[in-house]
């Protein structure tokens, strides 16, 4: 097959996949609506041949937590760990402009390949 044929097939399959996903999400919302009173607030419910997992995503206000630390919550009673999050723009700057500093920091970096992502790029129509 040619790249153009594969691109066209990919376009059709992605559209079908997106339509199926929308339908799946609609069905799931209907199921949740019908069974809402029977579901646990958090945890797994096996009901009518379905396994439904409910729960919460926890997100903490970082500024509020920092304020608590500054106001004296003892470290041994504080249930949080600090995690360094990269400022990619600053890392790029260091790699390009401060090689001595970057060399030290880069020792802590591990690069793991991502799964390649393929999408359909819009093609410009050529004027006739």
C-alpha atoms as a PDB file:
ATOM      1  CA  UNK A   1       0.000   0.000   0.000  1.00  0.00           C
ATOM      2  CA  UNK A   2       1.093   3.547  -0.578  1.00  0.00           C
ATOM      3  CA  UNK A   3       1.390   6.176   2.135  1.00  0.00           C
ATOM      4  CA  UNK A   4      -1.613   8.004   0.653  1.00  0.00           C
ATOM      5  CA  UNK A   5      -3.757   4.842   0.805  1.00  0.00           C
ATOM      6  CA  UNK A   6      -2.678   4.195   4.384  1.00  0.00           C
ATOM      7  CA  UNK A   7      -3.350   7.825   5.323  1.00  0.00           C
ATOM      8  CA  UNK A   8      -6.891   7.561   3.917  1.00  0.00           C
ATOM      9  CA  UNK A   9      -7.519   4.255   5.716  1.00  0.00           C
ATOM     10  CA  UNK A  10      -6.195   5.743   8.951  1.00  0.00           C
ATOM     11  CA  UNK A  11      -8.525   8.711   8.552  1.00  0.00           C
ATOM     12  CA  UNK A  12     -11.563   6.438   8.150  1.00  0.00           C
ATOM     13  CA  UNK A  13     -10.579   4.201  11.068  1.00  0.00           C
ATOM     14  CA  UNK A  14      -9.913   7.177  13.376  1.00  0.00           C
ATOM     15  CA  UNK A  15     -13.341   8.656  12.529  1.00  0.00           C
ATOM     16  CA  UNK A  16     -14.992   5.297  13.250  1.00  0.00           C
ATOM     17  CA  UNK A  17     -13.042   4.987  16.499  1.00  0.00           C
ATOM     18  CA  UNK A  18     -14.079   8.493  17.609  1.00  0.00           C
ATOM     19  CA  UNK A  19     -17.742   7.783  16.833  1.00  0.00           C
ATOM     20  CA  UNK A  20     -17.557   4.513  18.796  1.00  0.00           C
ATOM     21  CA  UNK A  21     -15.932   6.311  21.737  1.00  0.00           C
ATOM     22  CA  UNK A  22     -18.706   8.955  21.790  1.00  0.00           C
ATOM     23  CA  UNK A  23     -21.360   6.237  21.739  1.00  0.00           C
ATOM     24  CA  UNK A  24     -19.568   4.289  24.509  1.00  0.00           C
ATOM     25  CA  UNK A  25     -19.403   7.383  26.718  1.00  0.00           C
ATOM     26  CA  UNK A  26     -23.102   8.112  26.128  1.00  0.00           C
ATOM     27  CA  UNK A  27     -24.035   4.533  27.085  1.00  0.00           C
ATOM     28  CA  UNK A  28     -21.835   4.663  30.190  1.00  0.00           C
ATOM     29  CA  UNK A  29     -23.501   7.924  31.316  1.00  0.00           C
ATOM     30  CA  UNK A  30     -26.940   6.305  30.867  1.00  0.00           C
ATOM     31  CA  UNK A  31     -25.872   3.239  32.878  1.00  0.00           C
ATOM     32  CA  UNK A  32     -24.501   5.414  35.696  1.00  0.00           C
ATOM     33  CA  UNK A  33     -27.700   7.453  35.674  1.00  0.00           C
ATOM     34  CA  UNK A  34     -29.870   4.350  35.979  1.00  0.00           C
ATOM     35  CA  UNK A  35     -27.746   2.721  38.691  1.00  0.00           C
ATOM     36  CA  UNK A  36     -26.652   5.825  40.623  1.00  0.00           C
ATOM     37  CA  UNK A  37     -28.550   4.883  43.793  1.00  0.00           C
ATOM     38  CA  UNK A  38     -26.986   1.411  43.847  1.00  0.00           C
ATOM     39  CA  UNK A  39     -23.347   2.447  43.372  1.00  0.00           C
ATOM     40  CA  UNK A  40     -20.770   2.869  46.097  1.00  0.00           C
ATOM     41  CA  UNK A  41     -19.504   6.406  46.536  1.00  0.00           C
ATOM     42  CA  UNK A  42     -15.983   5.056  46.169  1.00  0.00           C
ATOM     43  CA  UNK A  43     -14.918   1.564  45.169  1.00  0.00           C
ATOM     44  CA  UNK A  44     -16.036  -1.251  42.879  1.00  0.00           C
ATOM     45  CA  UNK A  45     -19.636  -2.333  42.393  1.00  0.00           C
ATOM     46  CA  UNK A  46     -20.450  -5.523  40.450  1.00  0.00           C
ATOM     47  CA  UNK A  47     -24.049  -5.243  39.309  1.00  0.00           C
ATOM     48  CA  UNK A  48     -26.153  -6.516  36.375  1.00  0.00           C
ATOM     49  CA  UNK A  49     -23.083  -8.103  34.801  1.00  0.00           C
ATOM     50  CA  UNK A  50     -21.161  -4.821  34.964  1.00  0.00           C
ATOM     51  CA  UNK A  51     -18.144  -3.786  37.006  1.00  0.00           C
ATOM     52  CA  UNK A  52     -18.392  -0.098  37.884  1.00  0.00           C
ATOM     53  CA  UNK A  53     -15.543   1.666  39.664  1.00  0.00           C
ATOM     54  CA  UNK A  54     -16.283   5.009  41.305  1.00  0.00           C
ATOM     55  CA  UNK A  55     -14.059   7.381  43.217  1.00  0.00           C
ATOM     56  CA  UNK A  56     -12.381  10.751  43.319  1.00  0.00           C
ATOM     57  CA  UNK A  57      -9.294  12.354  41.832  1.00  0.00           C
ATOM     58  CA  UNK A  58      -7.395  14.078  44.603  1.00  0.00           C
ATOM     59  CA  UNK A  59      -5.826  17.430  43.840  1.00  0.00           C
ATOM     60  CA  UNK A  60      -4.249  19.528  46.547  1.00  0.00           C
ATOM     61  CA  UNK A  61      -3.878  23.317  46.598  1.00  0.00           C
ATOM     62  CA  UNK A  62      -0.097  23.617  46.596  1.00  0.00           C
ATOM     63  CA  UNK A  63      -0.052  27.179  47.940  1.00  0.00           C
ATOM     64  CA  UNK A  64      -2.321  26.222  50.843  1.00  0.00           C
ATOM     65  CA  UNK A  65      -0.115  23.233  51.691  1.00  0.00           C
ATOM     66  CA  UNK A  66       3.014  25.380  51.592  1.00  0.00           C
ATOM     67  CA  UNK A  67       1.302  27.831  53.928  1.00  0.00           C
ATOM     68  CA  UNK A  68       0.554  25.007  56.370  1.00  0.00           C
ATOM     69  CA  UNK A  69       4.227  24.038  56.401  1.00  0.00           C
ATOM     70  CA  UNK A  70       5.238  27.633  56.990  1.00  0.00           C
ATOM     71  CA  UNK A  71       2.668  27.948  59.796  1.00  0.00           C
ATOM     72  CA  UNK A  72       4.284  25.085  61.674  1.00  0.00           C
ATOM     73  CA  UNK A  73       2.779  21.683  60.967  1.00  0.00           C
ATOM     74  CA  UNK A  74       5.524  19.320  62.193  1.00  0.00           C
ATOM     75  CA  UNK A  75       7.270  17.554  59.283  1.00  0.00           C
ATOM     76  CA  UNK A  76       6.694  14.122  60.841  1.00  0.00           C
ATOM     77  CA  UNK A  77       2.907  14.795  60.753  1.00  0.00           C
ATOM     78  CA  UNK A  78       2.824  16.209  57.214  1.00  0.00           C
ATOM     79  CA  UNK A  79       1.598  13.537  54.743  1.00  0.00           C
ATOM     80  CA  UNK A  80       3.151  15.013  51.602  1.00  0.00           C
ATOM     81  CA  UNK A  81       6.422  14.654  49.724  1.00  0.00           C
ATOM     82  CA  UNK A  82       8.061  17.270  47.566  1.00  0.00           C
ATOM     83  CA  UNK A  83       8.316  16.301  43.908  1.00  0.00           C
ATOM     84  CA  UNK A  84      10.520  18.214  41.518  1.00  0.00           C
ATOM     85  CA  UNK A  85       8.713  19.151  38.331  1.00  0.00           C
ATOM     86  CA  UNK A  86      10.782  20.191  35.355  1.00  0.00           C
ATOM     87  CA  UNK A  87      10.590  23.656  33.828  1.00  0.00           C
ATOM     88  CA  UNK A  88      11.431  22.493  30.275  1.00  0.00           C
ATOM     89  CA  UNK A  89      12.134  26.007  29.048  1.00  0.00           C
ATOM     90  CA  UNK A  90      14.712  26.482  31.811  1.00  0.00           C
ATOM     91  CA  UNK A  91      16.222  23.054  31.128  1.00  0.00           C
ATOM     92  CA  UNK A  92      16.604  23.936  27.449  1.00  0.00           C
ATOM     93  CA  UNK A  93      18.240  27.216  28.435  1.00  0.00           C
ATOM     94  CA  UNK A  94      20.691  25.446  30.733  1.00  0.00           C
ATOM     95  CA  UNK A  95      21.506  22.778  28.134  1.00  0.00           C
ATOM     96  CA  UNK A  96      22.246  25.463  25.535  1.00  0.00           C
ATOM     97  CA  UNK A  97      23.819  28.196  27.683  1.00  0.00           C
ATOM     98  CA  UNK A  98      25.127  26.688  30.927  1.00  0.00           C
ATOM     99  CA  UNK A  99      26.687  23.332  29.969  1.00  0.00           C
ATOM    100  CA  UNK A 100      28.542  22.901  33.279  1.00  0.00           C
ATOM    101  CA  UNK A 101      25.327  23.249  35.289  1.00  0.00           C
ATOM    102  CA  UNK A 102      23.352  21.156  32.794  1.00  0.00           C
ATOM    103  CA  UNK A 103      25.919  18.348  32.951  1.00  0.00           C
ATOM    104  CA  UNK A 104      25.330  18.026  36.709  1.00  0.00           C
ATOM    105  CA  UNK A 105      21.541  18.170  36.418  1.00  0.00           C
ATOM    106  CA  UNK A 106      21.366  15.825  33.425  1.00  0.00           C
ATOM    107  CA  UNK A 107      22.752  12.964  35.537  1.00  0.00           C
ATOM    108  CA  UNK A 108      19.333  12.765  37.187  1.00  0.00           C
ATOM    109  CA  UNK A 109      17.469  12.568  33.853  1.00  0.00           C
ATOM    110  CA  UNK A 110      16.165   9.348  32.318  1.00  0.00           C
ATOM    111  CA  UNK A 111      14.639   9.451  28.840  1.00  0.00           C
ATOM    112  CA  UNK A 112      12.107   6.755  27.949  1.00  0.00           C
ATOM    113  CA  UNK A 113      10.723   6.601  24.401  1.00  0.00           C
ATOM    114  CA  UNK A 114       7.010   7.362  24.072  1.00  0.00           C
ATOM    115  CA  UNK A 115       4.600   5.442  21.896  1.00  0.00           C
ATOM    116  CA  UNK A 116       4.556   7.294  18.577  1.00  0.00           C
ATOM    117  CA  UNK A 117       1.382   9.237  17.897  1.00  0.00           C
ATOM    118  CA  UNK A 118      -0.064   9.333  14.392  1.00  0.00           C
ATOM    119  CA  UNK A 119      -2.778  11.777  13.394  1.00  0.00           C
ATOM    120  CA  UNK A 120      -4.224  13.084  10.166  1.00  0.00           C
ATOM    121  CA  UNK A 121      -2.798  16.442   9.094  1.00  0.00           C
ATOM    122  CA  UNK A 122      -5.135  18.699   7.183  1.00  0.00           C
ATOM    123  CA  UNK A 123      -3.997  18.927   3.574  1.00  0.00           C
ATOM    124  CA  UNK A 124      -4.142  22.273   1.814  1.00  0.00           C
ATOM    125  CA  UNK A 125      -6.150  22.267  -1.385  1.00  0.00           C
ATOM    126  CA  UNK A 126      -4.056  23.252  -4.368  1.00  0.00           C
ATOM    127  CA  UNK A 127      -5.508  25.968  -6.567  1.00  0.00           C
ATOM    128  CA  UNK A 128      -6.562  24.753 -10.003  1.00  0.00           C
END
